[in-house]
């Protein structure tokens, strides 16, 4: 390989930067895959983890639990407790 000419060395350095960025991206993807595989395993075999995830997704709680769900940002509507009346009753 010849490194002569104005574009050879800068081009080589750019390729090395690209390779490092792609290797880092691959490492992140592998870490994500491992985390998701662990979650799948836990959801298949760990009853407590199943209950935790279901309650989180459904915004539900166990009997006699009180949950406070705050809005993510200003102006967002507040969540309603799963045990509260959805609408006030007319009298």
N, C-alpha and C. Protein backbone atom coordinates (compact mmCIF):
# COMPACT_ATOMS: atom_id res chain seq x y z
N UNK A 1 0.84 -1.17 0.00
CA UNK A 1 0.00 0.00 0.00
C UNK A 1 0.89 1.24 0.00
N UNK A 2 0.53 2.15 -0.79
CA UNK A 2 1.31 3.38 -0.88
C UNK A 2 0.61 4.48 -0.10
N UNK A 3 1.37 5.20 0.71
CA UNK A 3 0.81 6.28 1.51
C UNK A 3 1.20 7.65 0.95
N UNK A 4 1.66 7.66 -0.29
CA UNK A 4 2.06 8.92 -0.90
C UNK A 4 0.84 9.65 -1.43
N UNK A 5 0.93 10.94 -1.52
CA UNK A 5 -0.15 11.75 -2.06
C UNK A 5 -0.91 12.45 -0.95
N UNK A 6 -1.64 13.48 -1.31
CA UNK A 6 -2.29 14.31 -0.30
C UNK A 6 -3.46 13.61 0.42
N UNK A 7 -4.11 12.64 -0.18
CA UNK A 7 -5.29 12.04 0.41
C UNK A 7 -5.03 10.71 1.10
N UNK A 8 -3.89 10.16 1.03
CA UNK A 8 -3.63 8.82 1.54
C UNK A 8 -3.67 8.76 3.08
N UNK A 9 -2.87 9.55 3.76
CA UNK A 9 -2.80 9.48 5.22
C UNK A 9 -4.10 9.97 5.86
N UNK A 10 -4.65 11.13 5.46
CA UNK A 10 -5.92 11.55 6.05
C UNK A 10 -7.04 10.53 5.81
N UNK A 11 -7.04 9.92 4.64
CA UNK A 11 -8.04 8.91 4.33
C UNK A 11 -7.88 7.69 5.23
N UNK A 12 -6.66 7.28 5.46
CA UNK A 12 -6.38 6.14 6.34
C UNK A 12 -6.82 6.44 7.77
N UNK A 13 -6.52 7.65 8.25
CA UNK A 13 -6.93 8.03 9.60
C UNK A 13 -8.45 8.08 9.73
N UNK A 14 -9.13 8.56 8.71
CA UNK A 14 -10.59 8.60 8.73
C UNK A 14 -11.17 7.18 8.77
N UNK A 15 -10.60 6.27 8.02
CA UNK A 15 -11.06 4.88 8.03
C UNK A 15 -10.86 4.25 9.42
N UNK A 16 -9.77 4.55 10.05
CA UNK A 16 -9.53 4.02 11.40
C UNK A 16 -10.57 4.57 12.39
N UNK A 17 -10.91 5.87 12.26
CA UNK A 17 -11.95 6.45 13.11
C UNK A 17 -13.29 5.77 12.87
N UNK A 18 -13.60 5.51 11.62
CA UNK A 18 -14.85 4.81 11.28
C UNK A 18 -14.88 3.42 11.89
N UNK A 19 -13.76 2.71 11.80
CA UNK A 19 -13.68 1.35 12.35
C UNK A 19 -13.91 1.39 13.86
N UNK A 20 -13.27 2.34 14.56
CA UNK A 20 -13.46 2.44 16.01
C UNK A 20 -14.91 2.75 16.36
N UNK A 21 -15.54 3.65 15.59
CA UNK A 21 -16.94 4.00 15.86
C UNK A 21 -17.84 2.79 15.64
N UNK A 22 -17.59 2.03 14.59
CA UNK A 22 -18.40 0.84 14.31
C UNK A 22 -18.18 -0.25 15.35
N UNK A 23 -16.94 -0.40 15.81
CA UNK A 23 -16.66 -1.38 16.86
C UNK A 23 -17.39 -1.00 18.16
N UNK A 24 -17.40 0.28 18.48
CA UNK A 24 -18.12 0.75 19.67
C UNK A 24 -19.63 0.52 19.52
N UNK A 25 -20.14 0.80 18.35
CA UNK A 25 -21.57 0.57 18.07
C UNK A 25 -21.90 -0.92 18.20
N UNK A 26 -21.05 -1.78 17.68
CA UNK A 26 -21.27 -3.23 17.79
C UNK A 26 -21.24 -3.67 19.25
N UNK A 27 -20.33 -3.11 20.04
CA UNK A 27 -20.27 -3.47 21.45
C UNK A 27 -21.55 -3.05 22.17
N UNK A 28 -22.07 -1.86 21.83
CA UNK A 28 -23.33 -1.41 22.43
C UNK A 28 -24.48 -2.32 22.03
N UNK A 29 -24.52 -2.73 20.78
CA UNK A 29 -25.58 -3.64 20.32
C UNK A 29 -25.49 -4.99 21.03
N UNK A 30 -24.28 -5.50 21.20
CA UNK A 30 -24.12 -6.77 21.92
C UNK A 30 -24.59 -6.64 23.36
N UNK A 31 -24.29 -5.52 24.00
CA UNK A 31 -24.74 -5.28 25.37
C UNK A 31 -26.27 -5.22 25.43
N UNK A 32 -26.88 -4.54 24.46
CA UNK A 32 -28.35 -4.47 24.40
C UNK A 32 -28.96 -5.85 24.20
N UNK A 33 -28.36 -6.64 23.33
CA UNK A 33 -28.87 -8.00 23.08
C UNK A 33 -28.79 -8.83 24.35
N UNK A 34 -27.66 -8.74 25.06
CA UNK A 34 -27.51 -9.51 26.30
C UNK A 34 -28.55 -9.08 27.34
N UNK A 35 -28.80 -7.77 27.45
CA UNK A 35 -29.80 -7.29 28.40
C UNK A 35 -31.19 -7.78 28.03
N UNK A 36 -31.51 -7.76 26.75
CA UNK A 36 -32.83 -8.24 26.31
C UNK A 36 -32.97 -9.74 26.48
N UNK A 37 -31.90 -10.49 26.26
CA UNK A 37 -31.96 -11.93 26.49
C UNK A 37 -32.18 -12.23 27.96
N UNK A 38 -31.56 -11.46 28.85
CA UNK A 38 -31.77 -11.64 30.27
C UNK A 38 -33.21 -11.32 30.65
N UNK A 39 -33.75 -10.24 30.09
CA UNK A 39 -35.14 -9.88 30.36
C UNK A 39 -36.08 -10.98 29.88
N UNK A 40 -35.83 -11.52 28.70
CA UNK A 40 -36.67 -12.60 28.17
C UNK A 40 -36.60 -13.81 29.10
N UNK A 41 -35.42 -14.16 29.54
CA UNK A 41 -35.27 -15.30 30.46
C UNK A 41 -36.04 -15.04 31.75
N UNK A 42 -35.85 -13.83 32.30
CA UNK A 42 -36.55 -13.48 33.54
C UNK A 42 -38.06 -13.52 33.36
N UNK A 43 -38.54 -13.04 32.22
CA UNK A 43 -39.99 -13.03 31.99
C UNK A 43 -40.53 -14.45 31.80
N UNK A 44 -39.70 -15.36 31.36
CA UNK A 44 -40.15 -16.75 31.19
C UNK A 44 -40.15 -17.50 32.51
N UNK A 45 -39.18 -17.26 33.39
CA UNK A 45 -38.98 -18.12 34.54
C UNK A 45 -39.09 -17.44 35.90
N UNK A 46 -39.16 -16.14 35.95
CA UNK A 46 -39.18 -15.43 37.23
C UNK A 46 -40.53 -14.76 37.41
N UNK A 47 -41.37 -15.33 38.28
CA UNK A 47 -42.73 -14.82 38.48
C UNK A 47 -42.73 -13.40 39.03
N UNK A 48 -41.80 -13.07 39.91
CA UNK A 48 -41.74 -11.72 40.46
C UNK A 48 -41.44 -10.70 39.37
N UNK A 49 -40.54 -11.03 38.47
CA UNK A 49 -40.20 -10.12 37.36
C UNK A 49 -41.40 -9.96 36.44
N UNK A 50 -42.12 -11.05 36.19
CA UNK A 50 -43.33 -10.97 35.36
C UNK A 50 -44.32 -9.99 35.97
N UNK A 51 -44.59 -10.15 37.26
CA UNK A 51 -45.54 -9.27 37.94
C UNK A 51 -45.08 -7.81 37.89
N UNK A 52 -43.79 -7.60 38.12
CA UNK A 52 -43.24 -6.24 38.11
C UNK A 52 -43.45 -5.57 36.76
N UNK A 53 -43.12 -6.28 35.68
CA UNK A 53 -43.22 -5.71 34.34
C UNK A 53 -44.68 -5.48 33.97
N UNK A 54 -45.54 -6.41 34.29
CA UNK A 54 -46.96 -6.25 33.97
C UNK A 54 -47.54 -5.05 34.70
N UNK A 55 -47.24 -4.92 35.99
CA UNK A 55 -47.74 -3.77 36.75
C UNK A 55 -47.21 -2.46 36.19
N UNK A 56 -45.97 -2.45 35.78
CA UNK A 56 -45.38 -1.23 35.22
C UNK A 56 -46.06 -0.85 33.91
N UNK A 57 -46.24 -1.82 33.01
CA UNK A 57 -46.84 -1.54 31.71
C UNK A 57 -48.31 -1.13 31.82
N UNK A 58 -49.01 -1.73 32.77
CA UNK A 58 -50.43 -1.43 32.92
C UNK A 58 -50.69 -0.30 33.92
N UNK A 59 -49.64 0.24 34.51
CA UNK A 59 -49.76 1.26 35.55
C UNK A 59 -50.73 0.78 36.63
N UNK A 60 -50.60 -0.47 37.00
CA UNK A 60 -51.46 -1.07 38.01
C UNK A 60 -50.63 -1.38 39.24
N UNK A 61 -51.32 -1.64 40.32
CA UNK A 61 -50.62 -1.96 41.55
C UNK A 61 -51.28 -3.14 42.23
N UNK A 62 -50.64 -3.59 43.26
CA UNK A 62 -51.21 -4.65 44.07
C UNK A 62 -52.30 -4.03 44.95
N UNK A 63 -53.20 -4.84 45.47
CA UNK A 63 -54.21 -4.30 46.38
C UNK A 63 -53.54 -3.58 47.56
N UNK A 64 -54.11 -2.46 47.94
CA UNK A 64 -53.64 -1.63 49.05
C UNK A 64 -52.33 -0.89 48.77
N UNK A 65 -51.88 -0.87 47.53
CA UNK A 65 -50.71 -0.08 47.16
C UNK A 65 -51.18 1.29 46.67
N UNK A 66 -50.40 2.31 46.94
CA UNK A 66 -50.70 3.64 46.44
C UNK A 66 -49.55 4.05 45.53
N UNK A 67 -49.88 4.49 44.33
CA UNK A 67 -48.87 4.91 43.36
C UNK A 67 -49.09 6.36 43.00
N UNK A 68 -48.02 7.10 42.90
CA UNK A 68 -48.06 8.46 42.42
C UNK A 68 -47.29 8.49 41.12
N UNK A 69 -47.95 8.90 40.05
CA UNK A 69 -47.30 8.98 38.74
C UNK A 69 -47.28 10.44 38.35
N UNK A 70 -46.10 10.99 38.26
CA UNK A 70 -45.93 12.40 37.94
C UNK A 70 -45.73 12.58 36.45
N UNK A 71 -46.16 13.70 35.90
CA UNK A 71 -45.95 13.93 34.46
C UNK A 71 -44.47 14.04 34.14
N UNK A 72 -44.12 13.63 32.92
CA UNK A 72 -42.72 13.67 32.49
C UNK A 72 -42.22 15.11 32.31
N UNK A 73 -43.11 15.99 31.86
CA UNK A 73 -42.70 17.37 31.63
C UNK A 73 -43.85 18.30 31.96
N UNK A 74 -43.55 19.54 32.04
CA UNK A 74 -44.56 20.53 32.40
C UNK A 74 -45.65 20.58 31.35
N UNK A 75 -46.88 20.60 31.79
CA UNK A 75 -48.01 20.67 30.85
C UNK A 75 -48.56 19.32 30.46
N UNK A 76 -47.89 18.24 30.83
CA UNK A 76 -48.40 16.90 30.51
C UNK A 76 -49.52 16.56 31.48
N UNK A 77 -50.52 15.83 31.02
CA UNK A 77 -51.60 15.46 31.93
C UNK A 77 -51.11 14.48 32.99
N UNK A 78 -51.65 14.61 34.18
CA UNK A 78 -51.28 13.71 35.27
C UNK A 78 -52.01 12.38 35.09
N UNK A 79 -51.37 11.31 35.47
CA UNK A 79 -51.98 9.98 35.39
C UNK A 79 -52.98 9.81 36.52
N UNK A 80 -53.95 8.95 36.28
CA UNK A 80 -54.99 8.69 37.26
C UNK A 80 -54.71 7.36 37.93
N UNK A 81 -54.99 7.29 39.22
CA UNK A 81 -54.81 6.05 39.96
C UNK A 81 -55.73 4.99 39.37
N UNK A 82 -55.30 3.73 39.25
CA UNK A 82 -56.15 2.70 38.67
C UNK A 82 -57.37 2.39 39.53
N UNK A 83 -57.37 2.83 40.79
CA UNK A 83 -58.48 2.53 41.68
C UNK A 83 -59.44 3.71 41.81
N UNK A 84 -59.15 4.84 41.20
CA UNK A 84 -60.01 6.00 41.32
C UNK A 84 -61.09 5.99 40.25
N UNK A 85 -62.19 6.72 40.50
CA UNK A 85 -63.24 6.84 39.51
C UNK A 85 -62.68 7.58 38.31
N UNK A 86 -62.94 7.08 37.09
CA UNK A 86 -62.37 7.75 35.91
C UNK A 86 -62.98 9.11 35.67
N UNK A 87 -64.27 9.29 36.03
CA UNK A 87 -64.92 10.58 35.83
C UNK A 87 -65.75 10.91 37.07
N UNK A 88 -65.81 12.17 37.43
CA UNK A 88 -66.64 12.52 38.59
C UNK A 88 -68.11 12.28 38.28
N UNK A 89 -68.83 11.88 39.29
CA UNK A 89 -70.25 11.61 39.12
C UNK A 89 -71.07 12.86 39.25
N UNK A 90 -72.06 12.99 38.39
CA UNK A 90 -72.98 14.14 38.48
C UNK A 90 -73.97 13.90 39.60
N UNK A 91 -74.28 14.95 40.34
CA UNK A 91 -75.24 14.79 41.45
C UNK A 91 -76.49 15.54 41.22
